[in-house]
Amino acid sequence: MAALAACVLLAAGCGRIQHRTTGAAKPISYSTLLARPYTVIRHFEDSRRQVYLLFLNIPVHNANGVEIAESNLGEADGIVNLTLETHSDPLDWLVSLVTVGLVNTWDVEASGDLVRYVPRTGPAGP
């Protein structure tokens, strides 16, 4: 029993999280910089629960923070000030403990500002 507990403690928490911005349909920035001038439409905050089985080896529900942000884009032209946070609460720890590490969960939160580009002004075309 002690050996099983030691294996669970060693294997628990040995996961990694990747938030990939490549392939995003619209510009996403972790800062306030975009290639064009913009105005902020509104702020958004959203979260999803990430679930893995068997000591974080089998993803059941993989929550990519950038995909969470993209799901909030709607008619916006992009996102600035994107912040991604990942954390576990006491319930997540309890689930991992009761299932002896077979089920692991945590929250992935995304927040930022949705923006719309400022219309370009210039000479009218023919």
Foldseek 3Di string as FASTA:
>chain_A
DVVLLVVLVVLAPPEDADADPPPQPADEELAQDDPAAKDFPFKDKDKDKWKAFDSNPRTPRHDHQVVRVSVPQVVFRYWYNKDKDKDADPVQVVVCVVVSNGMGMIMIMIITTGIHGDDDDDDDDD
